[in-house]
Amino acid sequence: MSKSSGQKTCYLTTTLPYVNSDPHIGFALEIVQADIWARFQKLQGLEVFFNTGTDEHGVKIYRKAEEEGKEVQAYVDEYAEKFKNLKGALGLLPEINFIRTTDKHHLEAAQAFWEKCEKAGDIYKKAYKIKYCVGCELEKTDSELVDGKCPIHPNLKIEIIDEENYFFKFSKYQKALLELYEKNPNFTLPASRQNEIRAFVSRGLEDFSISRLKSKMPWGVTVPGDDSQVMYVWFDALVNYISAIGWPTDMVKFEKWWPVVQFAGKDNLRQQSAMWQAMLLSAGLPASKQIIIHGFITSGGQKMSKSLGNVIDPYVLVKEYGTEALRYFLARHVNPFEDTDVTAEAIKDAYNANLANGLGNLVSRVLKMATANGVAFKDELLKDKKLFSDTEVFYEANKKELEIFDFQKSTNAIWDVISYLDGFIQKEQPFKKIKTNKLAGEKDVEFLLVHLFVIATMLEPVMPETAKTIQNLIKSGTMPEKPLFPRKD
């Protein structure tokens, strides 16, 4: 169904993580944020195309495969599967699209995109010498280095690239990018990142290299018309956002979904909000719809990264706490836009306090009162506006904050309702009242059941399986056979 037929559509994507190591919690944060927002859009009645995948070219991957003594394609196949399995481990939407930059269609799209930019006069060849961070896959100026090292990848040696490559005329698009930001003040969120990228572009843009010598780095997409060069990893990988929706062979599909909402980390700000947008302009394509930038998950104040060796494995957390608990933690206990320090102790404390003792305990208490006293849930009570007069502010906050990608505040609003109901039980004591004033006690239990059902509805984007379980228990009038979230000692 096309946009013109009246169906509203939403296309969103994560960045594509490199397959030079196992998945870590930093990417789990990004993809869970995107999944929460995708589910929220579906609940608003939109048709959603949700894209993720793996970035499988570049010198980091080539060297890692060599280091492990593996053929490069076999290496990327093995690691791509680990990222693909996040779909089940993190409870992602089953229809999520998984693109690999070694897919045949993507390779052809990357070459077609190159030819578009070349036809626009934006690609040229020159000899140059730069300082280069393999971890960032970016050129680094002296002002960006700290004691001669990349601040994001201090354990990696800065390399010197001295060769003849193709360049993209980034400098040509300074004015057009500033106009894009001016017309779309929320193009990049949060506002601090929009200000940051505007300042970067305002200082002037330098053309950037978009190829490497195949003799030095053979693992990449061959440059059209020059078999001696392969595309620079960023130029190739960024094209996935359009190749995933059919460009350039299926323009009906492309036009149905484009433009895209992109989720990315703060170390991707320049590439997503400036470089990629200039490339789109060069190819004659509309800009992205919005770029949502999250901070880093840190450990002891340092970014969690593969190169530093301080990563947390999401698969380990799922095994220990379960998929739903990890989704909850990433939504509520990690700032959606700024850095957050995460420890094993913090995860355990949040689980016990807010899931085992909070949500899980509330579900058990309310359903025990209902089943013990024969009080049934009634759908019509959901329409009683007076019933929600004290809690309406929390429901409105939940939706409002989700709309602006503040997953932490939107989830906080759910726990505000949980706290309200705990206070209601403590104050009204319906389990006692029902013995002396049956009608009043039953009304209180009905009040709790209906609010608990709405809590479950609010939980649908964040904890979809938990939401479904709670709704089914309420409708069937049964107690959970075991605690929803057993305490962790």
Protein backbone atom coordinates (compact mmCIF):
# COMPACT_ATOMS: atom_id res chain seq x y z
CA MET A 1 0.00 0.00 0.00
CA SER A 2 1.53 3.31 -1.03
CA LYS A 3 1.49 6.60 0.83
CA SER A 4 -0.82 8.06 -1.76
CA SER A 5 -3.48 5.47 -0.89
CA GLY A 6 -3.79 6.96 2.59
CA GLN A 7 -1.81 4.43 4.61
CA LYS A 8 0.74 6.17 6.81
CA THR A 9 4.17 4.58 6.74
CA CYS A 10 7.25 4.72 8.93
CA TYR A 11 10.74 3.65 7.91
CA LEU A 12 13.38 3.46 10.61
CA THR A 13 16.85 1.99 10.77
CA THR A 14 19.75 1.43 13.10
CA THR A 15 23.32 1.90 11.99
CA LEU A 16 24.96 -1.31 10.80
CA PRO A 17 27.50 -2.60 13.34
CA TYR A 18 30.86 -3.90 12.18
CA VAL A 19 31.25 -7.66 12.32
CA ASN A 20 34.77 -7.50 13.69
CA SER A 21 33.64 -8.77 17.10
CA ASP A 22 30.67 -10.12 19.03
CA PRO A 23 27.59 -7.92 19.68
CA HIS A 24 27.82 -5.75 22.81
CA ILE A 25 25.36 -3.83 24.96
CA GLY A 26 26.03 -0.54 23.15
CA PHE A 27 24.45 -1.81 19.97
CA ALA A 28 21.76 -3.64 21.97
CA LEU A 29 20.77 -0.20 23.33
CA GLU A 30 20.43 1.24 19.84
CA ILE A 31 18.40 -1.60 18.39
CA VAL A 32 16.10 -1.89 21.44
CA GLN A 33 15.43 1.87 21.28
CA ALA A 34 14.57 1.51 17.60
CA ASP A 35 12.36 -1.51 18.27
CA ILE A 36 10.45 0.30 21.02
CA TRP A 37 9.79 3.19 18.67
CA ALA A 38 8.83 0.85 15.81
CA ARG A 39 6.29 -0.90 18.06
CA PHE A 40 4.96 2.46 19.23
CA GLN A 41 4.44 3.54 15.61
CA LYS A 42 2.59 0.29 14.84
CA LEU A 43 0.32 0.90 17.83
CA GLN A 44 -0.47 4.32 16.32
CA GLY A 45 -1.68 2.52 13.17
CA LEU A 46 1.36 3.09 10.94
CA GLU A 47 2.82 0.52 8.57
CA VAL A 48 6.44 0.06 9.62
CA PHE A 49 9.62 -0.99 7.82
CA PHE A 50 12.34 -1.61 10.41
CA ASN A 51 15.88 -2.10 9.11
CA THR A 52 19.09 -3.31 10.70
CA GLY A 53 21.94 -5.52 9.58
CA THR A 54 25.72 -5.75 9.42
CA ASP A 55 28.52 -3.66 7.90
CA GLU A 56 30.92 -6.23 6.45
CA HIS A 57 33.63 -4.33 4.58
CA GLY A 58 36.63 -2.28 5.68
CA VAL A 59 40.14 -2.68 6.97
CA LYS A 60 39.13 -3.63 10.54
CA ILE A 61 37.22 -6.66 9.30
CA TYR A 62 39.88 -7.62 6.76
CA ARG A 63 42.60 -7.56 9.43
CA LYS A 64 40.48 -9.40 11.99
CA ALA A 65 39.80 -12.23 9.54
CA GLU A 66 43.53 -12.43 8.76
CA GLU A 67 44.33 -12.47 12.47
CA GLU A 68 41.98 -15.43 13.00
CA GLY A 69 43.28 -17.20 9.90
CA LYS A 70 39.90 -17.23 8.17
CA GLU A 71 38.72 -16.48 4.65
CA VAL A 72 37.06 -13.08 4.87
CA GLN A 73 33.64 -14.08 3.54
CA ALA A 74 33.50 -17.05 5.91
CA TYR A 75 34.48 -14.74 8.76
CA VAL A 76 31.73 -12.19 8.06
CA ASP A 77 29.16 -14.96 7.55
CA GLU A 78 29.95 -16.32 11.01
CA TYR A 79 29.72 -12.97 12.77
CA ALA A 80 26.71 -11.71 10.83
CA GLU A 81 24.77 -14.68 12.22
CA LYS A 82 25.58 -13.56 15.78
CA PHE A 83 24.06 -10.16 15.08
CA LYS A 84 21.10 -11.69 13.28
CA ASN A 85 20.37 -13.80 16.37
CA LEU A 86 19.80 -10.61 18.36
CA LYS A 87 16.34 -10.61 16.79
CA GLY A 88 15.26 -13.41 19.14
CA ALA A 89 17.52 -12.58 22.08
CA LEU A 90 16.28 -8.97 22.32
CA GLY A 91 12.66 -9.69 21.41
CA LEU A 92 12.71 -7.60 18.23
CA LEU A 93 9.78 -7.36 15.85
CA PRO A 94 9.66 -10.60 13.85
CA GLU A 95 9.36 -8.77 10.52
CA ILE A 96 12.57 -6.76 11.01
CA ASN A 97 14.66 -6.48 7.84
CA PHE A 98 18.27 -7.68 8.11
CA ILE A 99 20.59 -6.35 5.42
CA ARG A 100 24.21 -7.35 4.88
CA THR A 101 26.54 -5.09 2.94
CA THR A 102 27.89 -8.17 1.14
CA ASP A 103 24.41 -8.87 -0.32
CA LYS A 104 24.37 -8.81 -4.14
CA HIS A 105 21.66 -6.13 -4.36
CA HIS A 106 23.51 -3.87 -1.92
CA LEU A 107 26.79 -4.21 -3.84
CA GLU A 108 25.03 -3.19 -7.05
CA ALA A 109 23.25 -0.31 -5.28
CA ALA A 110 26.53 1.01 -3.85
CA GLN A 111 28.06 1.07 -7.33
CA ALA A 112 24.97 2.73 -8.81
CA PHE A 113 25.09 5.37 -6.06
CA TRP A 114 28.77 6.04 -6.82
CA GLU A 115 27.91 6.56 -10.48
CA LYS A 116 25.16 9.06 -9.54
CA CYS A 117 27.60 11.12 -7.47
CA GLU A 118 30.25 10.87 -10.19
CA LYS A 119 27.76 12.06 -12.81
CA ALA A 120 26.99 15.04 -10.55
CA GLY A 121 30.67 15.97 -10.73
CA ASP A 122 31.27 15.22 -7.06
CA ILE A 123 33.95 12.52 -7.30
CA TYR A 124 37.57 13.16 -8.25
CA LYS A 125 40.96 11.53 -7.71
CA LYS A 126 44.00 12.93 -5.89
CA ALA A 127 47.08 11.94 -3.91
CA TYR A 128 47.01 12.76 -0.21
CA LYS A 129 48.46 11.97 3.20
CA ILE A 130 46.37 11.82 6.37
CA LYS A 131 46.26 10.54 9.94
CA TYR A 132 43.65 7.81 10.20
CA CYS A 133 41.89 5.97 13.05
CA VAL A 134 41.02 2.41 12.03
CA GLY A 135 38.55 2.19 14.94
CA CYS A 136 36.50 5.16 13.73
CA GLU A 137 37.26 4.49 10.05
CA LEU A 138 37.80 8.26 9.82
CA GLU A 139 40.52 10.79 9.08
CA LYS A 140 41.71 12.61 12.22
CA THR A 141 43.10 16.13 12.47
CA ASP A 142 45.69 17.00 15.10
CA SER A 143 43.05 18.94 17.05
CA GLU A 144 40.90 15.79 17.32
CA LEU A 145 43.71 13.72 18.83
CA VAL A 146 44.68 13.60 22.50
CA ASP A 147 48.39 12.94 23.02
CA GLY A 148 48.49 11.68 19.46
CA LYS A 149 45.69 9.17 20.06
CA CYS A 150 42.01 8.96 19.12
CA PRO A 151 40.01 9.72 22.30
CA ILE A 152 37.41 7.09 21.32
CA HIS A 153 39.95 4.36 20.48
CA PRO A 154 43.05 5.20 22.59
CA ASN A 155 44.33 1.62 22.39
CA LEU A 156 44.60 1.75 18.59
CA LYS A 157 47.59 3.28 16.86
CA ILE A 158 46.89 6.23 14.56
CA GLU A 159 47.93 5.21 11.06
CA ILE A 160 49.28 7.30 8.20
CA ILE A 161 47.60 6.85 4.81
CA ASP A 162 49.70 8.09 1.89
CA GLU A 163 48.19 7.12 -1.48
CA GLU A 164 46.07 8.23 -4.43
CA ASN A 165 42.33 7.76 -3.89
CA TYR A 166 38.96 9.10 -4.96
CA PHE A 167 37.42 11.97 -3.03
CA PHE A 168 33.88 13.21 -2.54
CA LYS A 169 33.18 16.97 -2.82
CA PHE A 170 31.85 17.40 0.69
CA SER A 171 32.85 21.10 0.65
CA LYS A 172 30.32 21.74 -2.13
CA TYR A 173 27.40 21.01 0.22
CA GLN A 174 28.10 23.30 3.18
CA LYS A 175 25.35 25.79 2.30
CA ALA A 176 22.81 23.08 1.42
CA LEU A 177 23.43 21.25 4.73
CA LEU A 178 23.04 24.45 6.77
CA GLU A 179 19.78 25.13 4.95
CA LEU A 180 18.63 21.57 5.76
CA TYR A 181 19.26 22.15 9.48
CA GLU A 182 17.60 25.57 9.35
CA LYS A 183 14.43 24.20 7.73
CA ASN A 184 14.36 21.19 10.06
CA PRO A 185 15.31 22.35 13.59
CA ASN A 186 14.64 18.83 14.92
CA PHE A 187 16.50 17.10 12.09
CA THR A 188 19.02 15.76 14.61
CA LEU A 189 17.97 14.95 18.17
CA PRO A 190 18.74 15.88 20.86
CA ALA A 191 19.09 19.60 20.19
CA SER A 192 22.65 19.60 21.50
CA ARG A 193 23.66 17.27 18.65
CA GLN A 194 21.89 19.47 16.09
CA ASN A 195 23.90 22.42 17.43
CA GLU A 196 27.07 20.34 17.30
CA ILE A 197 26.65 19.28 13.68
CA ARG A 198 25.60 22.77 12.61
CA ALA A 199 28.77 24.17 14.20
CA PHE A 200 30.87 21.50 12.50
CA VAL A 201 29.45 22.31 9.06
CA SER A 202 29.64 26.08 9.69
CA ARG A 203 33.40 25.87 10.26
CA GLY A 204 33.84 24.67 6.68
CA LEU A 205 33.93 21.23 5.12
CA GLU A 206 36.83 19.34 3.65
CA ASP A 207 36.37 16.79 0.89
CA PHE A 208 36.83 13.24 2.17
CA SER A 209 38.39 10.12 0.73
CA ILE A 210 35.92 7.50 -0.51
CA SER A 211 38.23 4.76 -1.78
CA ARG A 212 41.27 2.67 -0.90
CA LEU A 213 43.87 0.91 -3.03
CA LYS A 214 42.74 -2.66 -3.63
CA SER A 215 46.36 -3.82 -3.46
CA LYS A 216 46.49 -2.70 0.19
CA MET A 217 42.92 -3.46 1.23
CA PRO A 218 41.15 -5.85 -1.18
CA TRP A 219 38.01 -6.41 0.94
CA GLY A 220 35.46 -3.92 -0.37
CA VAL A 221 33.14 -2.91 -3.20
CA THR A 222 35.03 -2.33 -6.44
CA VAL A 223 34.92 1.25 -7.68
CA PRO A 224 32.96 1.42 -10.98
CA GLY A 225 35.42 1.82 -13.86
CA ASP A 226 38.55 1.40 -11.72
CA ASP A 227 39.39 -2.13 -10.67
CA SER A 228 42.46 -0.91 -8.72
CA GLN A 229 40.30 0.75 -6.02
CA VAL A 230 37.61 -0.33 -3.55
CA MET A 231 35.06 1.94 -1.89
CA TYR A 232 35.84 3.40 1.50
CA VAL A 233 33.73 1.57 4.06
CA TRP A 234 31.51 4.54 5.01
CA PHE A 235 30.59 5.35 1.42
CA ASP A 236 29.55 1.75 0.82
CA ALA A 237 27.78 1.10 4.14
CA LEU A 238 25.67 4.26 4.24
CA VAL A 239 23.98 3.26 0.98
CA ASN A 240 22.28 0.39 2.86
CA TYR A 241 19.60 2.81 4.07
CA ILE A 242 18.28 3.07 0.52
CA SER A 243 19.31 -0.33 -0.88
CA ALA A 244 17.27 -1.96 1.93
CA ILE A 245 14.08 -0.48 0.45
CA GLY A 246 14.74 -1.37 -3.17
CA TRP A 247 16.82 1.51 -4.55
CA PRO A 248 17.63 1.79 -7.43
CA THR A 249 15.75 -1.15 -9.02
CA ASP A 250 12.41 -0.92 -7.17
CA MET A 251 11.54 2.76 -7.02
CA VAL A 252 7.91 2.09 -6.08
CA LYS A 253 9.09 0.41 -2.90
CA PHE A 254 11.70 3.13 -2.31
CA GLU A 255 9.17 5.95 -2.68
CA LYS A 256 6.73 4.16 -0.39
CA TRP A 257 9.17 4.16 2.52
CA TRP A 258 11.68 6.99 2.10
CA PRO A 259 12.64 9.17 4.01
CA VAL A 260 14.02 7.34 7.04
CA VAL A 261 14.36 7.91 10.79
CA GLN A 262 17.90 6.84 11.69
CA PHE A 263 19.13 5.73 15.12
CA ALA A 264 22.86 6.13 15.74
CA GLY A 265 25.48 6.64 18.43
CA LYS A 266 27.17 9.99 19.03
CA ASP A 267 30.33 8.75 17.32
CA ASN A 268 28.24 8.50 14.13
CA LEU A 269 26.93 12.07 14.24
CA ARG A 270 29.17 13.43 11.49
CA GLN A 271 28.63 10.48 9.17
CA GLN A 272 24.83 10.32 9.56
CA SER A 273 23.86 14.00 9.86
CA ALA A 274 26.36 15.53 7.43
CA MET A 275 28.33 13.13 5.22
CA TRP A 276 25.37 10.91 4.33
CA GLN A 277 23.07 13.89 3.77
CA ALA A 278 25.59 15.47 1.37
CA MET A 279 25.87 12.16 -0.46
CA LEU A 280 22.08 12.01 -0.83
CA LEU A 281 22.02 15.56 -2.19
CA SER A 282 24.72 14.61 -4.69
CA ALA A 283 22.72 11.59 -5.87
CA GLY A 284 19.58 13.72 -6.27
CA LEU A 285 17.72 12.00 -3.43
CA PRO A 286 15.73 13.53 -0.54
CA ALA A 287 17.42 13.87 2.85
CA SER A 288 16.71 11.54 5.74
CA LYS A 289 13.69 12.44 7.86
CA GLN A 290 15.43 12.55 11.24
CA ILE A 291 18.61 11.39 12.99
CA ILE A 292 18.28 10.22 16.62
CA ILE A 293 21.63 10.22 18.43
CA HIS A 294 22.19 8.26 21.64
CA GLY A 295 25.14 8.46 24.02
CA PHE A 296 27.60 5.77 25.03
CA ILE A 297 27.19 3.10 27.65
CA THR A 298 30.28 3.56 29.77
CA SER A 299 32.14 1.56 32.39
CA GLY A 300 34.05 3.56 34.97
CA GLY A 301 33.65 6.64 32.78
CA GLN A 302 35.12 4.97 29.68
CA LYS A 303 33.14 4.08 26.58
CA MET A 304 32.35 0.40 26.32
CA SER A 305 34.10 -0.74 23.19
CA LYS A 306 35.59 -3.83 21.64
CA SER A 307 39.03 -2.25 21.42
CA LEU A 308 39.07 -1.43 25.16
CA GLY A 309 37.86 -4.91 26.08
CA ASN A 310 35.29 -3.68 28.63
CA VAL A 311 32.09 -4.67 26.84
CA ILE A 312 29.02 -6.28 28.39
CA ASP A 313 27.60 -9.16 26.36
CA PRO A 314 23.80 -8.80 25.87
CA TYR A 315 23.48 -12.57 25.43
CA VAL A 316 24.89 -13.05 28.95
CA LEU A 317 22.39 -10.56 30.40
CA VAL A 318 19.49 -12.25 28.61
CA LYS A 319 20.56 -15.60 30.06
CA GLU A 320 20.74 -14.13 33.56
CA TYR A 321 17.70 -11.83 33.61
CA GLY A 322 15.64 -12.56 30.50
CA THR A 323 14.88 -10.60 27.36
CA GLU A 324 12.14 -8.45 28.86
CA ALA A 325 14.25 -7.40 31.83
CA LEU A 326 17.10 -6.30 29.57
CA ARG A 327 14.71 -4.30 27.38
CA TYR A 328 13.34 -2.66 30.54
CA PHE A 329 16.81 -1.75 31.80
CA LEU A 330 17.92 -0.25 28.48
CA ALA A 331 14.71 1.79 28.23
CA ARG A 332 14.51 3.12 31.77
CA HIS A 333 17.99 3.08 33.27
CA VAL A 334 20.04 4.30 30.31
CA ASN A 335 19.76 7.96 29.33
CA PRO A 336 18.45 8.02 25.74
CA PHE A 337 20.73 10.86 24.66
CA GLU A 338 23.71 11.12 27.04
CA ASP A 339 26.35 8.72 28.36
CA THR A 340 25.31 6.29 31.10
CA ASP A 341 27.66 4.34 33.34
CA VAL A 342 26.44 0.75 33.69
CA THR A 343 27.59 -1.89 36.14
CA ALA A 344 26.49 -5.47 36.85
CA GLU A 345 25.38 -4.31 40.30
CA ALA A 346 23.19 -1.54 38.84
CA ILE A 347 21.45 -4.02 36.53
CA LYS A 348 20.74 -6.41 39.41
CA ASP A 349 19.49 -3.64 41.70
CA ALA A 350 17.14 -2.27 39.03
CA TYR A 351 15.80 -5.76 38.34
CA ASN A 352 15.04 -6.56 41.98
CA ALA A 353 13.67 -3.15 42.95
CA ASN A 354 11.53 -2.37 39.92
CA LEU A 355 10.64 -5.70 38.32
CA ALA A 356 10.66 -8.32 41.09
CA ASN A 357 9.51 -6.05 43.95
CA GLY A 358 7.75 -3.49 41.73
CA LEU A 359 5.81 -4.65 38.70
CA GLY A 360 5.90 -8.38 39.47
CA ASN A 361 4.77 -7.90 43.06
CA LEU A 362 1.95 -5.55 42.04
CA VAL A 363 0.62 -8.05 39.49
CA SER A 364 0.61 -10.83 42.11
CA ARG A 365 -1.08 -8.70 44.79
CA VAL A 366 -3.84 -7.38 42.54
CA LEU A 367 -4.62 -10.73 40.94
CA LYS A 368 -4.62 -12.47 44.32
CA MET A 369 -7.23 -10.00 45.62
CA ALA A 370 -9.31 -10.40 42.45
CA THR A 371 -9.25 -14.20 42.24
CA ALA A 372 -9.74 -14.71 46.00
CA ASN A 373 -12.84 -12.51 46.00
CA GLY A 374 -14.31 -13.36 42.59
CA VAL A 375 -13.78 -9.85 41.14
CA ALA A 376 -13.61 -9.95 37.33
CA PHE A 377 -12.13 -7.47 34.86
CA LYS A 378 -14.70 -5.54 32.82
CA ASP A 379 -13.76 -4.01 29.44
CA GLU A 380 -16.31 -1.23 29.77
CA LEU A 381 -14.46 0.19 32.76
CA LEU A 382 -11.66 1.24 30.40
CA LYS A 383 -14.05 3.88 29.02
CA ASP A 384 -14.76 5.40 32.45
CA LYS A 385 -12.81 8.68 32.29
CA LYS A 386 -13.52 9.47 35.95
CA LEU A 387 -11.69 6.29 36.90
CA PHE A 388 -8.47 7.65 35.45
CA SER A 389 -8.68 11.25 36.64
CA ASP A 390 -5.75 10.87 39.06
CA THR A 391 -3.52 8.90 36.68
CA GLU A 392 -4.27 10.50 33.30
CA VAL A 393 -1.19 12.71 33.58
CA PHE A 394 1.06 9.62 33.62
CA TYR A 395 -0.59 8.10 30.55
CA GLU A 396 -0.25 11.35 28.62
CA ALA A 397 3.41 11.70 29.64
CA ASN A 398 4.14 8.16 28.50
CA LYS A 399 2.88 8.81 24.98
CA LYS A 400 4.27 12.34 24.71
CA GLU A 401 7.80 11.28 25.70
CA LEU A 402 7.75 8.30 23.32
CA GLU A 403 6.87 10.62 20.46
CA ILE A 404 10.08 12.57 21.07
CA PHE A 405 12.24 9.47 21.61
CA ASP A 406 12.71 9.94 25.36
CA PHE A 407 12.43 6.27 26.27
CA GLN A 408 13.59 6.86 29.82
CA LYS A 409 10.91 9.43 30.71
CA SER A 410 8.18 7.47 28.93
CA THR A 411 9.06 4.34 30.92
CA ASN A 412 9.33 6.36 34.12
CA ALA A 413 5.70 7.36 33.56
CA ILE A 414 4.67 3.69 33.65
CA TRP A 415 6.43 3.21 36.97
CA ASP A 416 4.70 6.34 38.26
CA VAL A 417 1.39 4.50 37.77
CA ILE A 418 2.81 1.42 39.49
CA SER A 419 3.87 3.61 42.42
CA TYR A 420 0.42 5.23 42.47
CA LEU A 421 -1.30 1.83 42.68
CA ASP A 422 1.04 0.67 45.45
CA GLY A 423 0.07 3.82 47.37
CA PHE A 424 -3.62 3.19 46.66
CA ILE A 425 -3.38 -0.35 48.09
CA GLN A 426 -1.56 0.89 51.18
CA LYS A 427 -4.10 3.66 51.77
CA GLU A 428 -7.38 1.90 50.91
CA GLN A 429 -6.41 -1.65 51.94
CA PRO A 430 -9.03 -3.29 49.70
CA PHE A 431 -8.03 -6.76 50.93
CA LYS A 432 -9.40 -5.71 54.36
CA LYS A 433 -12.21 -3.47 53.14
CA ILE A 434 -13.81 -6.24 51.08
CA LYS A 435 -14.45 -8.23 54.28
CA THR A 436 -16.43 -5.43 55.94
CA ASN A 437 -17.82 -3.53 52.95
CA LYS A 438 -17.98 -5.97 50.06
CA LEU A 439 -19.28 -3.54 47.42
CA ALA A 440 -16.69 -0.82 48.21
CA GLY A 441 -13.91 -3.40 48.38
CA GLU A 442 -14.90 -4.88 45.01
CA LYS A 443 -14.90 -1.40 43.47
CA ASP A 444 -11.34 -0.87 44.71
CA VAL A 445 -10.19 -4.19 43.23
CA GLU A 446 -11.89 -3.34 39.92
CA PHE A 447 -10.04 -0.01 39.99
CA LEU A 448 -6.75 -1.87 40.45
CA LEU A 449 -7.49 -4.43 37.72
CA VAL A 450 -8.35 -1.76 35.16
CA HIS A 451 -5.29 0.31 35.96
CA LEU A 452 -3.09 -2.78 35.85
CA PHE A 453 -4.51 -3.58 32.40
CA VAL A 454 -3.66 -0.07 31.20
CA ILE A 455 -0.14 -0.42 32.64
CA ALA A 456 0.21 -3.56 30.51
CA THR A 457 -0.96 -1.59 27.47
CA MET A 458 1.63 1.10 28.15
CA LEU A 459 4.28 -1.62 28.45
CA GLU A 460 3.58 -3.04 24.97
CA PRO A 461 6.40 -1.19 23.14
CA VAL A 462 8.98 -1.77 25.89
CA MET A 463 8.13 -5.22 27.27
CA PRO A 464 5.76 -6.79 24.74
CA GLU A 465 5.74 -10.33 26.15
CA THR A 466 5.23 -9.13 29.72
CA ALA A 467 2.39 -6.89 28.55
CA LYS A 468 0.70 -9.80 26.82
CA THR A 469 1.12 -12.07 29.86
CA ILE A 470 -0.40 -9.50 32.25
CA GLN A 471 -3.34 -8.79 29.94
CA ASN A 472 -4.06 -12.52 29.54
CA LEU A 473 -3.93 -13.09 33.32
CA ILE A 474 -6.32 -10.20 33.95
CA LYS A 475 -8.79 -11.29 31.26
CA SER A 476 -8.77 -14.92 32.37
CA GLY A 477 -8.93 -14.02 36.05
CA THR A 478 -5.99 -16.23 37.02
CA MET A 479 -2.92 -15.89 39.17
CA PRO A 480 0.52 -16.29 37.60
CA GLU A 481 1.82 -19.82 38.13
CA LYS A 482 5.21 -18.40 39.13
CA PRO A 483 6.56 -14.90 39.80
CA LEU A 484 6.88 -12.84 36.64
CA PHE A 485 10.32 -11.70 37.81
CA PRO A 486 11.91 -13.97 40.46
CA ARG A 487 14.30 -12.10 42.77
CA LYS A 488 18.03 -12.38 42.09
CA ASP A 489 20.23 -12.88 45.14
